[in-house]
């Protein structure tokens, strides 16, 4: 199993950002239109339920802003990495 920090750095190299205290992964996804954005959120929500790990997110028209953190640990966990990777895969 890889190191959490290595996994997070891989995500950062692929468009995710860390907040100032490195406790939250953030990314803005921009789609062609609202239907595509909502479709992404629907698919991501199914994975969030499967992982029992839910994002903080918002949607304005074709843009979805996502924040991932693990409240139980007060920072990042492998669940954040797994969900971030799923979201990237869904977004294409």
PDB file of N, CA and C in Angstrom:
ATOM      1  N   UNK A   1       0.848  -1.189   0.000  1.00  0.00           N
ATOM      2  CA  UNK A   1       0.000   0.000   0.000  1.00  0.00           C
ATOM      3  C   UNK A   1       0.887   1.243   0.000  1.00  0.00           C
ATOM      4  N   UNK A   2       0.536   2.220  -0.791  1.00  0.00           N
ATOM      5  CA  UNK A   2       1.362   3.418  -0.885  1.00  0.00           C
ATOM      6  C   UNK A   2       1.124   4.352   0.292  1.00  0.00           C
ATOM      7  N   UNK A   3       2.032   5.248   0.451  1.00  0.00           N
ATOM      8  CA  UNK A   3       1.991   6.226   1.525  1.00  0.00           C
ATOM      9  C   UNK A   3       0.937   7.297   1.226  1.00  0.00           C
ATOM     10  N   UNK A   4       0.192   7.704   2.249  1.00  0.00           N
ATOM     11  CA  UNK A   4      -0.863   8.707   2.071  1.00  0.00           C
ATOM     12  C   UNK A   4      -0.305   9.991   1.467  1.00  0.00           C
ATOM     13  N   UNK A   5       0.838  10.450   1.952  1.00  0.00           N
ATOM     14  CA  UNK A   5       1.422  11.683   1.435  1.00  0.00           C
ATOM     15  C   UNK A   5       1.760  11.556  -0.051  1.00  0.00           C
ATOM     16  N   UNK A   6       2.282  10.408  -0.460  1.00  0.00           N
ATOM     17  CA  UNK A   6       2.572  10.187  -1.882  1.00  0.00           C
ATOM     18  C   UNK A   6       1.294  10.216  -2.709  1.00  0.00           C
ATOM     19  N   UNK A   7       0.247   9.600  -2.197  1.00  0.00           N
ATOM     20  CA  UNK A   7      -1.044   9.600  -2.890  1.00  0.00           C
ATOM     21  C   UNK A   7      -1.587  11.016  -3.038  1.00  0.00           C
ATOM     22  N   UNK A   8      -1.490  11.800  -1.982  1.00  0.00           N
ATOM     23  CA  UNK A   8      -1.979  13.184  -2.018  1.00  0.00           C
ATOM     24  C   UNK A   8      -1.163  14.000  -3.019  1.00  0.00           C
ATOM     25  N   UNK A   9       0.144  13.831  -3.016  1.00  0.00           N
ATOM     26  CA  UNK A   9       0.988  14.576  -3.955  1.00  0.00           C
ATOM     27  C   UNK A   9       0.681  14.198  -5.403  1.00  0.00           C
ATOM     28  N   UNK A  10       0.346  12.940  -5.635  1.00  0.00           N
ATOM     29  CA  UNK A  10      -0.059  12.509  -6.976  1.00  0.00           C
ATOM     30  C   UNK A  10      -1.340  13.227  -7.399  1.00  0.00           C
ATOM     31  N   UNK A  11      -2.287  13.349  -6.477  1.00  0.00           N
ATOM     32  CA  UNK A  11      -3.529  14.067  -6.783  1.00  0.00           C
ATOM     33  C   UNK A  11      -3.259  15.540  -7.054  1.00  0.00           C
ATOM     34  N   UNK A  12      -2.392  16.153  -6.263  1.00  0.00           N
ATOM     35  CA  UNK A  12      -2.040  17.566  -6.463  1.00  0.00           C
ATOM     36  C   UNK A  12      -1.405  17.751  -7.844  1.00  0.00           C
ATOM     37  N   UNK A  13      -0.580  16.818  -8.250  1.00  0.00           N
ATOM     38  CA  UNK A  13       0.042  16.889  -9.575  1.00  0.00           C
ATOM     39  C   UNK A  13      -0.989  16.756 -10.693  1.00  0.00           C
ATOM     40  N   UNK A  14      -2.166  16.220 -10.359  1.00  0.00           N
ATOM     41  CA  UNK A  14      -3.234  16.028 -11.344  1.00  0.00           C
ATOM     42  C   UNK A  14      -4.401  16.991 -11.155  1.00  0.00           C
ATOM     43  N   UNK A  15      -4.141  18.161 -10.572  1.00  0.00           N
ATOM     44  CA  UNK A  15      -5.152  19.205 -10.547  1.00  0.00           C
ATOM     45  C   UNK A  15      -5.850  19.461  -9.235  1.00  0.00           C
ATOM     46  N   UNK A  16      -5.637  18.616  -8.239  1.00  0.00           N
ATOM     47  CA  UNK A  16      -6.202  18.875  -6.918  1.00  0.00           C
ATOM     48  C   UNK A  16      -5.295  19.856  -6.195  1.00  0.00           C
ATOM     49  N   UNK A  17      -5.834  20.553  -5.207  1.00  0.00           N
ATOM     50  CA  UNK A  17      -5.048  21.490  -4.405  1.00  0.00           C
ATOM     51  C   UNK A  17      -5.271  21.185  -2.931  1.00  0.00           C
ATOM     52  N   UNK A  18      -4.275  21.504  -2.136  1.00  0.00           N
ATOM     53  CA  UNK A  18      -4.400  21.388  -0.683  1.00  0.00           C
ATOM     54  C   UNK A  18      -4.725  22.753  -0.113  1.00  0.00           C
ATOM     55  N   UNK A  19      -5.571  22.791   0.916  1.00  0.00           N
ATOM     56  CA  UNK A  19      -5.831  24.059   1.584  1.00  0.00           C
ATOM     57  C   UNK A  19      -4.588  24.457   2.387  1.00  0.00           C
ATOM     58  N   UNK A  20      -4.629  25.623   3.022  1.00  0.00           N
ATOM     59  CA  UNK A  20      -3.446  26.186   3.691  1.00  0.00           C
ATOM     60  C   UNK A  20      -2.846  25.268   4.747  1.00  0.00           C
ATOM     61  N   UNK A  21      -3.672  24.540   5.483  1.00  0.00           N
ATOM     62  CA  UNK A  21      -3.127  23.673   6.537  1.00  0.00           C
ATOM     63  C   UNK A  21      -3.092  22.194   6.134  1.00  0.00           C
ATOM     64  N   UNK A  22      -3.242  21.934   4.843  1.00  0.00           N
ATOM     65  CA  UNK A  22      -3.122  20.577   4.277  1.00  0.00           C
ATOM     66  C   UNK A  22      -4.083  19.560   4.886  1.00  0.00           C
ATOM     67  N   UNK A  23      -5.275  20.022   5.250  1.00  0.00           N
ATOM     68  CA  UNK A  23      -6.279  19.120   5.820  1.00  0.00           C
ATOM     69  C   UNK A  23      -7.438  18.862   4.865  1.00  0.00           C
ATOM     70  N   UNK A  24      -7.362  19.430   3.661  1.00  0.00           N
ATOM     71  CA  UNK A  24      -8.490  19.339   2.734  1.00  0.00           C
ATOM     72  C   UNK A  24      -7.971  19.364   1.303  1.00  0.00           C
ATOM     73  N   UNK A  25      -8.477  18.448   0.488  1.00  0.00           N
ATOM     74  CA  UNK A  25      -8.225  18.458  -0.947  1.00  0.00           C
ATOM     75  C   UNK A  25      -9.355  19.220  -1.624  1.00  0.00           C
ATOM     76  N   UNK A  26      -9.010  20.043  -2.611  1.00  0.00           N
ATOM     77  CA  UNK A  26     -10.018  20.848  -3.297  1.00  0.00           C
ATOM     78  C   UNK A  26      -9.790  20.788  -4.802  1.00  0.00           C
ATOM     79  N   UNK A  27     -10.896  20.805  -5.535  1.00  0.00           N
ATOM     80  CA  UNK A  27     -10.791  20.836  -6.993  1.00  0.00           C
ATOM     81  C   UNK A  27     -12.056  21.425  -7.588  1.00  0.00           C
ATOM     82  N   UNK A  28     -11.869  22.153  -8.679  1.00  0.00           N
ATOM     83  CA  UNK A  28     -12.995  22.682  -9.447  1.00  0.00           C
ATOM     84  C   UNK A  28     -13.100  21.879 -10.740  1.00  0.00           C
ATOM     85  N   UNK A  29     -14.261  21.301 -10.954  1.00  0.00           N
ATOM     86  CA  UNK A  29     -14.548  20.569 -12.184  1.00  0.00           C
ATOM     87  C   UNK A  29     -15.475  21.434 -13.035  1.00  0.00           C
ATOM     88  N   UNK A  30     -15.144  21.612 -14.297  1.00  0.00           N
ATOM     89  CA  UNK A  30     -15.976  22.396 -15.209  1.00  0.00           C
ATOM     90  C   UNK A  30     -16.411  21.478 -16.349  1.00  0.00           C
ATOM     91  N   UNK A  31     -17.713  21.452 -16.586  1.00  0.00           N
ATOM     92  CA  UNK A  31     -18.304  20.572 -17.590  1.00  0.00           C
ATOM     93  C   UNK A  31     -18.909  21.391 -18.723  1.00  0.00           C
ATOM     94  N   UNK A  32     -19.413  20.722 -19.726  1.00  0.00           N
ATOM     95  CA  UNK A  32     -19.978  21.399 -20.894  1.00  0.00           C
ATOM     96  C   UNK A  32     -21.248  22.166 -20.557  1.00  0.00           C
ATOM     97  N   UNK A  33     -22.024  21.640 -19.597  1.00  0.00           N
ATOM     98  CA  UNK A  33     -23.292  22.270 -19.257  1.00  0.00           C
ATOM     99  C   UNK A  33     -23.778  21.740 -17.903  1.00  0.00           C
ATOM    100  N   UNK A  34     -24.926  22.217 -17.477  1.00  0.00           N
ATOM    101  CA  UNK A  34     -25.480  21.817 -16.185  1.00  0.00           C
ATOM    102  C   UNK A  34     -25.788  20.328 -16.123  1.00  0.00           C
ATOM    103  N   UNK A  35     -26.333  19.778 -17.198  1.00  0.00           N
ATOM    104  CA  UNK A  35     -26.693  18.358 -17.197  1.00  0.00           C
ATOM    105  C   UNK A  35     -25.452  17.493 -16.975  1.00  0.00           C
ATOM    106  N   UNK A  36     -24.358  17.829 -17.627  1.00  0.00           N
ATOM    107  CA  UNK A  36     -23.115  17.068 -17.443  1.00  0.00           C
ATOM    108  C   UNK A  36     -22.593  17.217 -16.016  1.00  0.00           C
ATOM    109  N   UNK A  37     -22.669  18.423 -15.469  1.00  0.00           N
ATOM    110  CA  UNK A  37     -22.215  18.653 -14.090  1.00  0.00           C
ATOM    111  C   UNK A  37     -23.062  17.860 -13.105  1.00  0.00           C
ATOM    112  N   UNK A  38     -24.363  17.878 -13.311  1.00  0.00           N
ATOM    113  CA  UNK A  38     -25.251  17.155 -12.399  1.00  0.00           C
ATOM    114  C   UNK A  38     -25.082  15.645 -12.549  1.00  0.00           C
ATOM    115  N   UNK A  39     -24.827  15.194 -13.761  1.00  0.00           N
ATOM    116  CA  UNK A  39     -24.554  13.777 -13.981  1.00  0.00           C
ATOM    117  C   UNK A  39     -23.308  13.333 -13.228  1.00  0.00           C
ATOM    118  N   UNK A  40     -22.268  14.167 -13.266  1.00  0.00           N
ATOM    119  CA  UNK A  40     -21.048  13.889 -12.503  1.00  0.00           C
ATOM    120  C   UNK A  40     -21.358  13.781 -11.018  1.00  0.00           C
ATOM    121  N   UNK A  41     -22.132  14.720 -10.505  1.00  0.00           N
ATOM    122  CA  UNK A  41     -22.462  14.707  -9.079  1.00  0.00           C
ATOM    123  C   UNK A  41     -23.270  13.463  -8.713  1.00  0.00           C
ATOM    124  N   UNK A  42     -24.162  13.059  -9.586  1.00  0.00           N
ATOM    125  CA  UNK A  42     -24.968  11.869  -9.323  1.00  0.00           C
ATOM    126  C   UNK A  42     -24.093  10.619  -9.244  1.00  0.00           C
ATOM    127  N   UNK A  43     -23.199  10.472 -10.205  1.00  0.00           N
ATOM    128  CA  UNK A  43     -22.305   9.311 -10.192  1.00  0.00           C
ATOM    129  C   UNK A  43     -21.355   9.349  -8.993  1.00  0.00           C
ATOM    130  N   UNK A  44     -20.828  10.529  -8.679  1.00  0.00           N
ATOM    131  CA  UNK A  44     -19.922  10.661  -7.531  1.00  0.00           C
ATOM    132  C   UNK A  44     -20.656  10.374  -6.225  1.00  0.00           C
ATOM    133  N   UNK A  45     -21.924  10.766  -6.149  1.00  0.00           N
ATOM    134  CA  UNK A  45     -22.710  10.518  -4.932  1.00  0.00           C
ATOM    135  C   UNK A  45     -22.885   9.024  -4.687  1.00  0.00           C
ATOM    136  N   UNK A  46     -23.044   8.257  -5.740  1.00  0.00           N
ATOM    137  CA  UNK A  46     -23.165   6.800  -5.584  1.00  0.00           C
ATOM    138  C   UNK A  46     -21.882   6.231  -4.989  1.00  0.00           C
ATOM    139  N   UNK A  47     -20.730   6.683  -5.480  1.00  0.00           N
ATOM    140  CA  UNK A  47     -19.453   6.218  -4.917  1.00  0.00           C
ATOM    141  C   UNK A  47     -19.263   6.705  -3.486  1.00  0.00           C
ATOM    142  N   UNK A  48     -19.693   7.924  -3.208  1.00  0.00           N
ATOM    143  CA  UNK A  48     -19.578   8.446  -1.840  1.00  0.00           C
ATOM    144  C   UNK A  48     -20.364   7.567  -0.873  1.00  0.00           C
ATOM    145  N   UNK A  49     -21.535   7.135  -1.287  1.00  0.00           N
ATOM    146  CA  UNK A  49     -22.337   6.240  -0.447  1.00  0.00           C
ATOM    147  C   UNK A  49     -21.650   4.889  -0.268  1.00  0.00           C
ATOM    148  N   UNK A  50     -21.099   4.347  -1.351  1.00  0.00           N
ATOM    149  CA  UNK A  50     -20.405   3.060  -1.262  1.00  0.00           C
ATOM    150  C   UNK A  50     -19.223   3.134  -0.302  1.00  0.00           C
ATOM    151  N   UNK A  51     -18.510   4.260  -0.322  1.00  0.00           N
ATOM    152  CA  UNK A  51     -17.348   4.443   0.548  1.00  0.00           C
ATOM    153  C   UNK A  51     -17.740   4.947   1.937  1.00  0.00           C
ATOM    154  N   UNK A  52     -19.009   5.353   2.080  1.00  0.00           N
ATOM    155  CA  UNK A  52     -19.477   6.001   3.309  1.00  0.00           C
ATOM    156  C   UNK A  52     -18.590   7.195   3.654  1.00  0.00           C
ATOM    157  N   UNK A  53     -18.308   7.984   2.621  1.00  0.00           N
ATOM    158  CA  UNK A  53     -17.441   9.161   2.763  1.00  0.00           C
ATOM    159  C   UNK A  53     -17.981  10.226   1.822  1.00  0.00           C
ATOM    160  N   UNK A  54     -18.413  11.342   2.359  1.00  0.00           N
ATOM    161  CA  UNK A  54     -19.178  12.303   1.571  1.00  0.00           C
ATOM    162  C   UNK A  54     -18.431  13.615   1.384  1.00  0.00           C
ATOM    163  N   UNK A  55     -18.464  14.142   0.172  1.00  0.00           N
ATOM    164  CA  UNK A  55     -17.752  15.382  -0.121  1.00  0.00           C
ATOM    165  C   UNK A  55     -18.513  16.601   0.382  1.00  0.00           C
ATOM    166  N   UNK A  56     -17.778  17.682   0.522  1.00  0.00           N
ATOM    167  CA  UNK A  56     -18.383  19.007   0.657  1.00  0.00           C
ATOM    168  C   UNK A  56     -18.289  19.579  -0.751  1.00  0.00           C
ATOM    169  N   UNK A  57     -19.441  19.906  -1.330  1.00  0.00           N
ATOM    170  CA  UNK A  57     -19.397  20.378  -2.701  1.00  0.00           C
ATOM    171  C   UNK A  57     -20.514  21.347  -2.996  1.00  0.00           C
ATOM    172  N   UNK A  58     -20.320  22.081  -4.095  1.00  0.00           N
ATOM    173  CA  UNK A  58     -21.346  23.012  -4.554  1.00  0.00           C
ATOM    174  C   UNK A  58     -21.352  22.994  -6.076  1.00  0.00           C
ATOM    175  N   UNK A  59     -22.494  23.364  -6.625  1.00  0.00           N
ATOM    176  CA  UNK A  59     -22.675  23.364  -8.068  1.00  0.00           C
ATOM    177  C   UNK A  59     -23.302  24.679  -8.489  1.00  0.00           C
ATOM    178  N   UNK A  60     -22.671  25.346  -9.447  1.00  0.00           N
ATOM    179  CA  UNK A  60     -23.249  26.517 -10.090  1.00  0.00           C
ATOM    180  C   UNK A  60     -23.148  26.282 -11.592  1.00  0.00           C
ATOM    181  N   UNK A  61     -24.304  26.121 -12.204  1.00  0.00           N
ATOM    182  CA  UNK A  61     -24.444  25.827 -13.624  1.00  0.00           C
ATOM    183  C   UNK A  61     -23.541  24.670 -14.041  1.00  0.00           C
ATOM    184  N   UNK A  62     -22.441  24.925 -14.729  1.00  0.00           N
ATOM    185  CA  UNK A  62     -21.616  23.824 -15.241  1.00  0.00           C
ATOM    186  C   UNK A  62     -20.365  23.566 -14.405  1.00  0.00           C
ATOM    187  N   UNK A  63     -20.274  24.194 -13.240  1.00  0.00           N
ATOM    188  CA  UNK A  63     -19.091  24.089 -12.388  1.00  0.00           C
ATOM    189  C   UNK A  63     -19.428  23.398 -11.076  1.00  0.00           C
ATOM    190  N   UNK A  64     -18.583  22.441 -10.684  1.00  0.00           N
ATOM    191  CA  UNK A  64     -18.727  21.745  -9.404  1.00  0.00           C
ATOM    192  C   UNK A  64     -17.435  21.957  -8.622  1.00  0.00           C
ATOM    193  N   UNK A  65     -17.538  22.564  -7.449  1.00  0.00           N
ATOM    194  CA  UNK A  65     -16.401  22.733  -6.552  1.00  0.00           C
ATOM    195  C   UNK A  65     -16.484  21.675  -5.469  1.00  0.00           C
ATOM    196  N   UNK A  66     -15.379  20.947  -5.275  1.00  0.00           N
ATOM    197  CA  UNK A  66     -15.341  19.816  -4.353  1.00  0.00           C
ATOM    198  C   UNK A  66     -14.297  20.055  -3.275  1.00  0.00           C
ATOM    199  N   UNK A  67     -14.656  19.698  -2.042  1.00  0.00           N
ATOM    200  CA  UNK A  67     -13.709  19.669  -0.941  1.00  0.00           C
ATOM    201  C   UNK A  67     -13.791  18.312  -0.269  1.00  0.00           C
ATOM    202  N   UNK A  68     -12.639  17.710  -0.025  1.00  0.00           N
ATOM    203  CA  UNK A  68     -12.586  16.402   0.627  1.00  0.00           C
ATOM    204  C   UNK A  68     -11.712  16.476   1.872  1.00  0.00           C
ATOM    205  N   UNK A  69     -12.251  16.016   2.984  1.00  0.00           N
ATOM    206  CA  UNK A  69     -11.516  15.916   4.234  1.00  0.00           C
ATOM    207  C   UNK A  69     -12.162  14.820   5.063  1.00  0.00           C
ATOM    208  N   UNK A  70     -11.442  14.317   6.031  1.00  0.00           N
ATOM    209  CA  UNK A  70     -11.984  13.298   6.927  1.00  0.00           C
ATOM    210  C   UNK A  70     -12.127  13.919   8.302  1.00  0.00           C
ATOM    211  N   UNK A  71     -13.351  14.247   8.669  1.00  0.00           N
ATOM    212  CA  UNK A  71     -13.601  14.945   9.930  1.00  0.00           C
ATOM    213  C   UNK A  71     -13.159  14.123  11.132  1.00  0.00           C
ATOM    214  N   UNK A  72     -13.320  12.799  11.060  1.00  0.00           N
ATOM    215  CA  UNK A  72     -12.942  11.937  12.187  1.00  0.00           C
ATOM    216  C   UNK A  72     -11.462  12.037  12.526  1.00  0.00           C
ATOM    217  N   UNK A  73     -10.626  12.273  11.512  1.00  0.00           N
ATOM    218  CA  UNK A  73      -9.182  12.351  11.747  1.00  0.00           C
ATOM    219  C   UNK A  73      -8.674  13.786  11.792  1.00  0.00           C
ATOM    220  N   UNK A  74      -9.541  14.732  11.453  1.00  0.00           N
ATOM    221  CA  UNK A  74      -9.119  16.131  11.432  1.00  0.00           C
ATOM    222  C   UNK A  74      -8.175  16.445  10.289  1.00  0.00           C
ATOM    223  N   UNK A  75      -8.233  15.656   9.236  1.00  0.00           N
ATOM    224  CA  UNK A  75      -7.357  15.874   8.089  1.00  0.00           C
ATOM    225  C   UNK A  75      -7.683  14.911   6.972  1.00  0.00           C
ATOM    226  N   UNK A  76      -6.676  14.548   6.227  1.00  0.00           N
ATOM    227  CA  UNK A  76      -6.872  13.670   5.079  1.00  0.00           C
ATOM    228  C   UNK A  76      -6.681  12.208   5.451  1.00  0.00           C
ATOM    229  N   UNK A  77      -7.392  11.353   4.716  1.00  0.00           N
ATOM    230  CA  UNK A  77      -7.256   9.907   4.902  1.00  0.00           C
ATOM    231  C   UNK A  77      -7.312   9.239   3.534  1.00  0.00           C
ATOM    232  N   UNK A  78      -7.102   7.933   3.532  1.00  0.00           N
ATOM    233  CA  UNK A  78      -7.189   7.170   2.284  1.00  0.00           C
ATOM    234  C   UNK A  78      -8.577   7.275   1.655  1.00  0.00           C
ATOM    235  N   UNK A  79      -9.611   7.513   2.453  1.00  0.00           N
ATOM    236  CA  UNK A  79     -10.955   7.688   1.890  1.00  0.00           C
ATOM    237  C   UNK A  79     -11.015   8.910   0.986  1.00  0.00           C
ATOM    238  N   UNK A  80     -10.327   9.981   1.371  1.00  0.00           N
ATOM    239  CA  UNK A  80     -10.290  11.176   0.525  1.00  0.00           C
ATOM    240  C   UNK A  80      -9.587  10.872  -0.792  1.00  0.00           C
ATOM    241  N   UNK A  81      -8.492  10.140  -0.713  1.00  0.00           N
ATOM    242  CA  UNK A  81      -7.748   9.757  -1.916  1.00  0.00           C
ATOM    243  C   UNK A  81      -8.620   8.893  -2.824  1.00  0.00           C
ATOM    244  N   UNK A  82      -9.282   7.899  -2.269  1.00  0.00           N
ATOM    245  CA  UNK A  82     -10.138   7.012  -3.065  1.00  0.00           C
ATOM    246  C   UNK A  82     -11.252   7.783  -3.757  1.00  0.00           C
ATOM    247  N   UNK A  83     -11.919   8.679  -3.012  1.00  0.00           N
ATOM    248  CA  UNK A  83     -13.022   9.420  -3.610  1.00  0.00           C
ATOM    249  C   UNK A  83     -12.511  10.415  -4.649  1.00  0.00           C
ATOM    250  N   UNK A  84     -11.390  11.054  -4.394  1.00  0.00           N
ATOM    251  CA  UNK A  84     -10.807  11.974  -5.377  1.00  0.00           C
ATOM    252  C   UNK A  84     -10.484  11.239  -6.674  1.00  0.00           C
ATOM    253  N   UNK A  85      -9.892  10.071  -6.563  1.00  0.00           N
ATOM    254  CA  UNK A  85      -9.570   9.287  -7.761  1.00  0.00           C
ATOM    255  C   UNK A  85     -10.830   8.872  -8.510  1.00  0.00           C
ATOM    256  N   UNK A  86     -11.867   8.486  -7.785  1.00  0.00           N
ATOM    257  CA  UNK A  86     -13.136   8.127  -8.432  1.00  0.00           C
ATOM    258  C   UNK A  86     -13.716   9.334  -9.159  1.00  0.00           C
ATOM    259  N   UNK A  87     -13.666  10.496  -8.513  1.00  0.00           N
ATOM    260  CA  UNK A  87     -14.202  11.706  -9.143  1.00  0.00           C
ATOM    261  C   UNK A  87     -13.431  12.040 -10.415  1.00  0.00           C
ATOM    262  N   UNK A  88     -12.109  11.924 -10.369  1.00  0.00           N
ATOM    263  CA  UNK A  88     -11.317  12.170 -11.576  1.00  0.00           C
ATOM    264  C   UNK A  88     -11.703  11.196 -12.684  1.00  0.00           C
ATOM    265  N   UNK A  89     -11.902   9.935 -12.333  1.00  0.00           N
ATOM    266  CA  UNK A  89     -12.276   8.930 -13.334  1.00  0.00           C
ATOM    267  C   UNK A  89     -13.651   9.230 -13.930  1.00  0.00           C
ATOM    268  N   UNK A  90     -14.582   9.626 -13.091  1.00  0.00           N
ATOM    269  CA  UNK A  90     -15.932   9.950 -13.563  1.00  0.00           C
ATOM    270  C   UNK A  90     -15.898  11.156 -14.489  1.00  0.00           C
ATOM    271  N   UNK A  91     -15.119  12.168 -14.102  1.00  0.00           N
ATOM    272  CA  UNK A  91     -15.051  13.401 -14.892  1.00  0.00           C
ATOM    273  C   UNK A  91     -14.353  13.176 -16.230  1.00  0.00           C
ATOM    274  N   UNK A  92     -13.545  12.125 -16.289  1.00  0.00           N
ATOM    275  CA  UNK A  92     -12.841  11.817 -17.539  1.00  0.00           C
ATOM    276  C   UNK A  92     -11.621  12.624 -17.645  1.00  0.00           C
TER     277      UNK A  92
END
